[in-house]
Amino acid sequence: MIQNITPLLAGSLLGGLAVILGAFGAHALKKRMNPDSLASFETGVKYQMYHAILLIALSFLPKEDILTNAINILILGTILFSFSIYGLTLSGTFGKKIRILGPITPIGGLCLVIGWFILFYYSLTL
């Protein structure tokens, strides 16, 4: 039985978007992007899908405050990390690179690391 609907909703939405963006990158962007930009775009897609799957798995655990904190920071981290990469690579390919997005990527990555460590701590309390 599903214990927490928020990670299921977020995970399914992020997972579906990862499939769409992955196909977009593989087909529409392959001829327009240089190999480094395409690799960065694909990194965003991979991390988005990894965390979408994790969120769906977390939806089956009992709802607890510490788990809710981990879920929220993982959702935030996924959005900041992956979508800043998409913005950087797309803006660089189709015009002027939106440089303000550059510092957002590592903040998103830090949120992901924190979320994983909160899960580690949670697992020690079981």
Protein backbone atom coordinates (compact mmCIF):
# COMPACT_ATOMS: atom_id res chain seq x y z
CA MET A 1 0.00 0.00 0.00
CA ILE A 2 1.23 3.48 -0.83
CA GLN A 3 2.06 5.41 2.33
CA ASN A 4 2.94 8.81 0.90
CA ILE A 5 1.39 10.21 -2.28
CA THR A 6 3.73 13.21 -2.72
CA PRO A 7 6.82 11.21 -3.75
CA LEU A 8 4.68 9.03 -6.01
CA LEU A 9 3.27 12.10 -7.78
CA ALA A 10 6.65 13.82 -8.00
CA GLY A 11 8.43 10.64 -9.06
CA SER A 12 5.94 9.79 -11.77
CA LEU A 13 5.95 13.35 -13.14
CA LEU A 14 9.75 13.62 -13.06
CA GLY A 15 10.08 10.15 -14.58
CA GLY A 16 7.71 10.91 -17.44
CA LEU A 17 9.46 14.21 -18.12
CA ALA A 18 12.83 12.43 -18.09
CA VAL A 19 11.62 10.08 -20.83
CA ILE A 20 10.35 13.01 -22.91
CA LEU A 21 13.52 15.06 -22.39
CA GLY A 22 15.73 12.05 -23.07
CA ALA A 23 13.97 11.43 -26.39
CA PHE A 24 14.18 15.16 -27.19
CA GLY A 25 17.91 15.09 -26.52
CA ALA A 26 18.52 11.91 -28.49
CA HIS A 27 16.56 13.01 -31.54
CA ALA A 28 16.02 16.76 -31.79
CA LEU A 29 19.16 18.01 -30.07
CA LYS A 30 21.71 15.47 -31.29
CA LYS A 31 22.36 17.39 -34.50
CA ARG A 32 22.27 20.85 -32.90
CA MET A 33 24.32 20.40 -29.74
CA ASN A 34 28.03 19.87 -29.50
CA PRO A 35 29.03 16.57 -27.85
CA ASP A 36 29.89 18.18 -24.48
CA SER A 37 26.55 19.98 -24.24
CA LEU A 38 24.67 16.85 -25.25
CA ALA A 39 26.54 14.84 -22.61
CA SER A 40 25.61 17.45 -19.98
CA PHE A 41 21.97 17.36 -21.09
CA GLU A 42 22.00 13.55 -20.83
CA THR A 43 23.49 13.80 -17.33
CA GLY A 44 20.52 15.92 -16.31
CA VAL A 45 18.13 13.34 -17.75
CA LYS A 46 19.89 10.43 -16.01
CA TYR A 47 19.94 12.08 -12.61
CA GLN A 48 16.31 13.09 -13.01
CA MET A 49 15.31 9.50 -13.80
CA TYR A 50 17.41 8.02 -10.97
CA HIS A 51 15.73 10.29 -8.47
CA ALA A 52 12.26 9.78 -9.96
CA ILE A 53 12.65 6.05 -9.36
CA LEU A 54 13.93 6.68 -5.85
CA LEU A 55 10.93 8.91 -5.06
CA ILE A 56 8.51 6.26 -6.26
CA ALA A 57 10.23 3.66 -4.07
CA LEU A 58 10.08 6.02 -1.08
CA SER A 59 6.34 6.39 -1.52
CA PHE A 60 5.94 2.85 -0.17
CA LEU A 61 7.64 3.59 3.16
CA PRO A 62 5.71 4.75 6.23
CA LYS A 63 5.33 8.50 6.35
CA GLU A 64 7.66 9.98 8.96
CA ASP A 65 8.96 13.54 9.36
CA ILE A 66 12.57 12.63 8.60
CA LEU A 67 11.52 10.76 5.47
CA THR A 68 9.33 13.68 4.40
CA ASN A 69 12.34 15.97 4.78
CA ALA A 70 14.45 13.67 2.62
CA ILE A 71 11.73 13.50 -0.02
CA ASN A 72 11.29 17.26 -0.14
CA ILE A 73 15.00 17.97 -0.47
CA LEU A 74 15.35 15.25 -3.14
CA ILE A 75 12.53 16.80 -5.16
CA LEU A 76 14.07 20.26 -4.81
CA GLY A 77 17.54 18.95 -5.65
CA THR A 78 16.33 17.11 -8.73
CA ILE A 79 14.58 20.20 -10.06
CA LEU A 80 17.49 22.53 -9.34
CA PHE A 81 20.14 20.13 -10.65
CA SER A 82 18.54 18.72 -13.78
CA PHE A 83 16.53 21.72 -14.92
CA SER A 84 19.45 24.12 -14.50
CA ILE A 85 21.50 21.80 -16.73
CA TYR A 86 18.71 21.79 -19.30
CA GLY A 87 18.53 25.57 -19.18
CA LEU A 88 22.29 25.98 -19.50
CA THR A 89 22.68 23.58 -22.40
CA LEU A 90 19.59 24.71 -24.29
CA SER A 91 20.28 28.42 -23.85
CA GLY A 92 23.88 27.88 -24.96
CA THR A 93 22.76 25.96 -28.02
CA PHE A 94 19.93 28.24 -29.13
CA GLY A 95 21.24 31.66 -28.23
CA LYS A 96 22.90 33.29 -25.31
CA LYS A 97 23.78 31.05 -22.35
CA ILE A 98 21.83 31.94 -19.20
CA ARG A 99 24.83 32.08 -16.88
CA ILE A 100 22.80 32.63 -13.70
CA LEU A 101 21.84 28.97 -13.94
CA GLY A 102 25.49 27.88 -13.52
CA PRO A 103 25.60 28.27 -9.72
CA ILE A 104 22.20 26.61 -9.34
CA THR A 105 23.44 23.23 -10.60
CA PRO A 106 25.84 22.57 -7.68
CA ILE A 107 23.21 23.77 -5.20
CA GLY A 108 20.86 21.16 -6.65
CA GLY A 109 23.60 18.55 -6.44
CA LEU A 110 24.21 19.46 -2.80
CA CYS A 111 20.49 19.04 -2.09
CA LEU A 112 20.63 15.57 -3.66
CA VAL A 113 23.61 14.60 -1.50
CA ILE A 114 21.87 15.90 1.62
CA GLY A 115 18.72 13.97 0.71
CA TRP A 116 20.71 10.75 0.34
CA PHE A 117 22.45 11.31 3.68
CA ILE A 118 19.12 11.96 5.38
CA LEU A 119 17.98 8.61 3.97
CA PHE A 120 21.14 7.02 5.33
CA TYR A 121 20.41 8.46 8.76
CA TYR A 122 16.78 7.30 8.48
CA SER A 123 17.96 3.77 7.70
CA LEU A 124 20.05 3.77 10.89
CA THR A 125 16.92 4.56 12.93
CA LEU A 126 14.87 1.63 11.61
